[in-house]
C-alpha cells in the first residue's frame, strides 16, 4: 500500500528536478556539499547502467519544498541492490557525507515508509544498503522500527589534515581556469580510473561555483604535491591529495550504515 503524500520519481531528469526542489530543505538542514544538488547531479552523470529513483515526501497541499527526500540508485541483477545516490564516490573524510533529509520526525517516518513501499513492490530479492549517514539519522531509525531485521553498523571516519605547507611554499586558488589547467597533472597521481573520472567530474562542476580550492607545491611549473579542498563558506573539507603531499589523518565523526535484505515470497505476502 502506498504511503499518503509520498511519491516516487524515476529517471535522471525527474531526480534532478526533485533535487533542485529540495534545495531549501537541504539548506535549512545545513547539509554538506556532498549531499546537495550540484554534487548529486555530478553523481548522476557517473551512473551509467543503474536506475536513479527519488522518494519524495510532499508538503501539505503539494506546493513548496519537499518535507523529506531519498535519492537512490537501483542496481539490477539476480538480487537488486539499492544504495544512496553518490555512494562509493570519493568524498572528504571526517564527517558524514550523505543525508536522508527530513524536515522533522514525522517526515522521516513517512520517508522510511515510502522507501520500503518502493522495495516491497520489487518482484525479486533485494538488498537495501544505506551508508555514510550521521549517527542518529531519523529515517534510518524509522526503517529499523518498521523492519527490526535491519542490521546497523557504525564506523569512525578519518579526515585529511591540511599540512601541505610542510612540503614547501603553497599556492592556493579557486580560479576555475587554474584548477582546470592543473587538474590533468594532479589526477595523473590517482591509479584508479573510476576515482579519477569521479574526481574530474565533481571538481570541474564545483570549481565553476567556487567550491573547490586547489593547493599546490611546485618546482617551477612541475607539480610536486597537490590538495583539493571542498569549500562552503567557512567550512573547509580537505578532499583528495597526491601521494607526495604526505598529509596526515585524524579521527573524524562516526558514520552509520543500514543493511536490509528483502523481496521474494515474503514481500508478496506482505502486500496481500
Protein backbone atom coordinates (compact mmCIF):
# COMPACT_ATOMS: atom_id res chain seq x y z
CA UNK A 1 0.00 0.00 0.00
CA UNK A 2 1.37 3.42 -0.96
CA UNK A 3 2.10 5.91 1.82
CA UNK A 4 -0.14 9.01 1.53
CA UNK A 5 1.74 12.15 0.49
CA UNK A 6 4.75 10.16 -0.71
CA UNK A 7 5.61 9.66 -4.36
CA UNK A 8 8.37 8.00 -6.37
CA UNK A 9 10.14 9.59 -9.34
CA UNK A 10 12.36 7.56 -11.69
CA UNK A 11 14.99 8.60 -14.22
CA UNK A 12 17.71 11.23 -14.34
CA UNK A 13 15.55 14.15 -15.42
CA UNK A 14 12.99 13.58 -12.69
CA UNK A 15 15.60 13.01 -9.98
CA UNK A 16 17.44 16.22 -10.93
CA UNK A 17 14.15 18.11 -10.75
CA UNK A 18 13.45 16.76 -7.25
CA UNK A 19 16.99 17.57 -6.08
CA UNK A 20 16.58 21.17 -7.20
CA UNK A 21 13.19 21.41 -5.50
CA UNK A 22 14.78 20.13 -2.28
CA UNK A 23 17.40 22.90 -2.24
CA UNK A 24 15.61 24.90 0.52
CA UNK A 25 15.24 21.75 2.65
CA UNK A 26 18.92 20.87 2.30
CA UNK A 27 19.95 24.45 3.09
CA UNK A 28 17.71 24.56 6.17
CA UNK A 29 19.28 21.33 7.44
CA UNK A 30 22.84 22.59 6.72
CA UNK A 31 23.54 19.59 4.51
CA UNK A 32 27.19 19.26 3.45
CA UNK A 33 28.34 19.92 -0.10
CA UNK A 34 28.34 16.17 -0.78
CA UNK A 35 24.59 15.93 -0.09
CA UNK A 36 23.48 18.93 -2.14
CA UNK A 37 22.09 19.14 -5.68
CA UNK A 38 25.33 20.02 -7.55
CA UNK A 39 27.25 17.08 -6.05
CA UNK A 40 24.42 14.62 -6.58
CA UNK A 41 23.88 15.89 -10.12
CA UNK A 42 27.55 15.12 -10.76
CA UNK A 43 26.95 11.67 -9.25
CA UNK A 44 24.07 11.14 -11.70
CA UNK A 45 26.43 11.87 -14.58
CA UNK A 46 28.58 8.96 -13.39
CA UNK A 47 25.69 6.48 -13.14
CA UNK A 48 25.83 4.51 -16.40
CA UNK A 49 23.54 1.48 -16.15
CA UNK A 50 21.70 1.63 -12.79
CA UNK A 51 18.32 3.35 -12.40
CA UNK A 52 18.12 6.50 -10.23
CA UNK A 53 14.98 7.00 -8.15
CA UNK A 54 13.75 9.73 -5.80
CA UNK A 55 11.31 9.06 -2.96
CA UNK A 56 9.65 12.36 -2.09
CA UNK A 57 7.54 13.40 0.89
CA UNK A 58 5.43 16.29 -0.38
CA UNK A 59 4.39 19.25 1.79
CA UNK A 60 0.72 19.71 2.71
CA UNK A 61 -1.08 20.95 -0.37
CA UNK A 62 1.68 19.66 -2.62
CA UNK A 63 3.35 23.03 -3.20
CA UNK A 64 6.74 24.20 -1.96
CA UNK A 65 9.90 22.35 -0.99
CA UNK A 66 9.52 18.66 -0.09
CA UNK A 67 9.38 17.62 3.57
CA UNK A 68 11.82 14.76 3.02
CA UNK A 69 13.77 13.17 0.18
CA UNK A 70 15.72 9.98 -0.55
CA UNK A 71 17.70 9.78 -3.80
CA UNK A 72 18.55 6.17 -4.54
CA UNK A 73 20.26 4.06 -7.19
CA UNK A 74 18.84 0.66 -8.14
CA UNK A 75 21.44 -1.76 -9.50
CA UNK A 76 20.00 -4.79 -11.26
CA UNK A 77 20.98 -8.44 -11.20
CA UNK A 78 19.53 -11.60 -9.65
CA UNK A 79 19.37 -9.57 -6.41
CA UNK A 80 18.57 -5.86 -6.73
CA UNK A 81 20.98 -3.64 -4.76
CA UNK A 82 19.69 -0.25 -3.62
CA UNK A 83 22.09 2.43 -2.38
CA UNK A 84 22.11 6.18 -1.88
CA UNK A 85 22.92 8.26 -4.93
CA UNK A 86 26.60 9.15 -4.67
CA UNK A 87 27.54 6.05 -2.68
CA UNK A 88 31.09 4.95 -3.49
CA UNK A 89 32.31 8.29 -4.84
CA UNK A 90 35.45 9.82 -3.33
CA UNK A 91 34.30 12.20 -0.59
CA UNK A 92 36.14 14.24 2.05
CA UNK A 93 36.52 12.30 5.27
CA UNK A 94 35.84 13.47 8.77
CA UNK A 95 32.08 13.99 8.66
CA UNK A 96 29.09 12.10 7.33
CA UNK A 97 28.92 12.80 3.56
CA UNK A 98 25.36 11.56 2.95
CA UNK A 99 21.93 12.67 4.11
CA UNK A 100 18.34 11.46 4.07
CA UNK A 101 16.98 14.97 4.58
CA UNK A 102 13.74 15.20 6.55
CA UNK A 103 12.14 18.33 7.97
CA UNK A 104 11.05 16.55 11.18
CA UNK A 105 10.48 13.10 12.68
CA UNK A 106 7.03 12.78 11.09
CA UNK A 107 8.50 13.42 7.63
CA UNK A 108 11.29 10.93 8.35
CA UNK A 109 8.69 8.28 9.28
CA UNK A 110 6.83 8.83 6.00
CA UNK A 111 10.08 8.78 4.02
CA UNK A 112 11.07 5.46 5.60
CA UNK A 113 7.64 4.01 4.79
CA UNK A 114 7.89 5.31 1.22
CA UNK A 115 11.32 3.70 0.66
CA UNK A 116 10.02 0.38 1.98
CA UNK A 117 6.86 0.66 -0.15
CA UNK A 118 9.09 1.09 -3.22
CA UNK A 119 11.13 -2.00 -2.35
CA UNK A 120 8.14 -4.14 -1.46
CA UNK A 121 6.86 -3.68 -5.00
CA UNK A 122 10.02 -5.33 -6.37
CA UNK A 123 9.32 -8.89 -7.53
CA UNK A 124 12.78 -10.31 -6.88
CA UNK A 125 15.15 -10.38 -3.89
CA UNK A 126 16.71 -7.05 -2.97
CA UNK A 127 19.19 -5.56 -0.51
CA UNK A 128 18.97 -2.01 0.78
CA UNK A 129 22.37 -0.58 1.77
CA UNK A 130 22.42 2.97 3.13
CA UNK A 131 25.86 4.19 4.19
CA UNK A 132 27.76 7.35 5.12
CA UNK A 133 24.96 8.83 7.24
CA UNK A 134 25.27 10.69 10.55
CA UNK A 135 24.65 8.94 13.83
CA UNK A 136 21.03 9.27 14.92
CA UNK A 137 19.58 9.74 11.43
CA UNK A 138 15.78 9.73 11.99
CA UNK A 139 14.91 7.98 8.72
CA UNK A 140 17.27 5.09 9.50
CA UNK A 141 15.70 4.83 12.95
CA UNK A 142 12.27 4.69 11.36
CA UNK A 143 13.32 1.96 8.91
CA UNK A 144 14.70 0.00 11.87
CA UNK A 145 11.39 0.28 13.71
CA UNK A 146 9.43 -0.83 10.65
CA UNK A 147 11.82 -3.68 9.82
CA UNK A 148 13.50 -4.97 13.01
CA UNK A 149 15.63 -7.35 10.94
CA UNK A 150 17.62 -4.39 9.55
CA UNK A 151 21.31 -4.52 10.56
CA UNK A 152 23.06 -1.33 11.69
CA UNK A 153 26.81 -0.72 11.77
CA UNK A 154 28.93 2.20 12.97
CA UNK A 155 32.38 3.19 11.75
CA UNK A 156 34.70 6.06 12.61
CA UNK A 157 35.73 8.23 9.69
CA UNK A 158 39.17 9.75 9.19
CA UNK A 159 39.82 13.22 7.82
CA UNK A 160 42.77 14.67 5.98
CA UNK A 161 44.66 17.44 7.77
CA UNK A 162 45.87 20.24 5.52
CA UNK A 163 49.59 20.30 6.34
CA UNK A 164 50.65 20.90 2.74
CA UNK A 165 52.77 23.85 3.86
CA UNK A 166 55.25 21.38 5.37
CA UNK A 167 56.14 20.27 1.82
CA UNK A 168 57.09 23.79 0.72
CA UNK A 169 55.55 27.13 -0.30
CA UNK A 170 51.88 26.61 -1.16
CA UNK A 171 49.87 28.28 -3.89
CA UNK A 172 46.11 28.26 -3.31
CA UNK A 173 43.48 29.17 -5.85
CA UNK A 174 39.77 28.84 -6.56
CA UNK A 175 40.09 30.15 -10.11
CA UNK A 176 38.23 27.60 -12.28
CA UNK A 177 40.66 28.14 -15.19
CA UNK A 178 43.68 27.47 -12.99
CA UNK A 179 42.03 24.40 -11.46
CA UNK A 180 41.23 23.10 -14.95
CA UNK A 181 44.82 23.69 -16.13
CA UNK A 182 46.33 21.77 -13.22
CA UNK A 183 43.73 19.01 -13.00
CA UNK A 184 45.20 16.51 -15.55
CA UNK A 185 48.64 16.62 -13.92
CA UNK A 186 47.12 16.41 -10.45
CA UNK A 187 44.88 13.43 -11.22
CA UNK A 188 47.65 11.53 -13.01
CA UNK A 189 48.75 10.52 -9.49
CA UNK A 190 45.45 8.63 -8.91
CA UNK A 191 45.80 5.00 -10.07
CA UNK A 192 42.08 4.13 -10.02
CA UNK A 193 40.42 5.14 -13.30
CA UNK A 194 36.94 5.28 -11.78
CA UNK A 195 38.16 7.54 -8.96
CA UNK A 196 39.96 9.77 -11.47
CA UNK A 197 36.77 10.15 -13.51
CA UNK A 198 34.67 10.94 -10.42
CA UNK A 199 37.20 13.49 -9.17
CA UNK A 200 37.38 15.15 -12.59
CA UNK A 201 33.60 15.49 -12.97
CA UNK A 202 32.95 16.69 -9.40
CA UNK A 203 35.95 19.04 -9.35
CA UNK A 204 35.00 20.78 -12.58
CA UNK A 205 31.40 21.29 -11.52
CA UNK A 206 32.23 22.61 -8.04
CA UNK A 207 35.15 24.74 -9.23
CA UNK A 208 32.69 26.51 -11.53
CA UNK A 209 30.59 27.54 -8.49
CA UNK A 210 33.57 28.48 -6.33
CA UNK A 211 33.51 25.46 -4.03
CA UNK A 212 36.88 23.90 -4.86
CA UNK A 213 40.25 25.15 -3.68
CA UNK A 214 43.37 23.77 -5.35
CA UNK A 215 46.54 23.96 -3.25
CA UNK A 216 49.85 23.06 -4.91
CA UNK A 217 53.53 22.85 -4.11
CA UNK A 218 55.63 23.11 -7.26
CA UNK A 219 59.19 23.25 -8.60
CA UNK A 220 58.82 25.84 -11.31
CA UNK A 221 55.90 24.54 -13.38
CA UNK A 222 56.31 20.92 -12.19
CA UNK A 223 53.78 19.80 -9.63
CA UNK A 224 55.34 18.27 -6.51
CA UNK A 225 52.20 17.87 -4.36
CA UNK A 226 48.59 18.91 -4.56
CA UNK A 227 45.42 19.01 -2.49
CA UNK A 228 41.78 19.52 -3.43
CA UNK A 229 39.54 21.02 -0.73
CA UNK A 230 35.77 21.45 -0.83
CA UNK A 231 34.85 24.89 0.50
CA UNK A 232 31.43 26.03 1.66
CA UNK A 233 31.70 29.40 3.40
CA UNK A 234 33.83 28.86 6.50
CA UNK A 235 33.55 25.08 6.15
CA UNK A 236 36.71 23.60 4.61
CA UNK A 237 36.94 19.87 3.90
CA UNK A 238 40.27 18.56 2.57
CA UNK A 239 39.15 16.10 -0.05
CA UNK A 240 41.90 14.41 -2.05
CA UNK A 241 45.68 14.76 -2.09
CA UNK A 242 48.51 13.40 -4.21
CA UNK A 243 50.59 10.70 -2.53
CA UNK A 244 53.60 13.04 -2.33
CA UNK A 245 51.58 15.52 -0.25
CA UNK A 246 52.30 13.42 2.86
CA UNK A 247 49.22 14.64 4.69
CA UNK A 248 48.32 13.02 7.99
CA UNK A 249 44.85 11.96 9.03
CA UNK A 250 42.97 12.32 12.28
CA UNK A 251 39.84 10.74 13.73
CA UNK A 252 36.56 12.13 12.44
CA UNK A 253 32.87 11.73 13.23
CA UNK A 254 31.11 8.35 13.45
CA UNK A 255 29.21 7.14 10.40
CA UNK A 256 26.21 4.85 10.45
CA UNK A 257 25.02 2.36 7.83
CA UNK A 258 22.00 0.10 7.43
CA UNK A 259 21.66 -3.18 5.55
CA UNK A 260 18.24 -4.72 4.95
CA UNK A 261 17.52 -7.76 2.75
CA UNK A 262 14.06 -8.38 1.38
CA UNK A 263 11.95 -9.34 -1.59
CA UNK A 264 10.75 -12.69 -2.82
CA UNK A 265 7.78 -14.59 -1.35
CA UNK A 266 7.81 -12.74 1.98
CA UNK A 267 7.29 -9.41 0.21
CA UNK A 268 4.41 -10.81 -1.86
CA UNK A 269 2.69 -11.95 1.33
CA UNK A 270 3.22 -8.52 2.93
CA UNK A 271 1.40 -6.82 0.04
CA UNK A 272 -1.72 -9.01 0.39
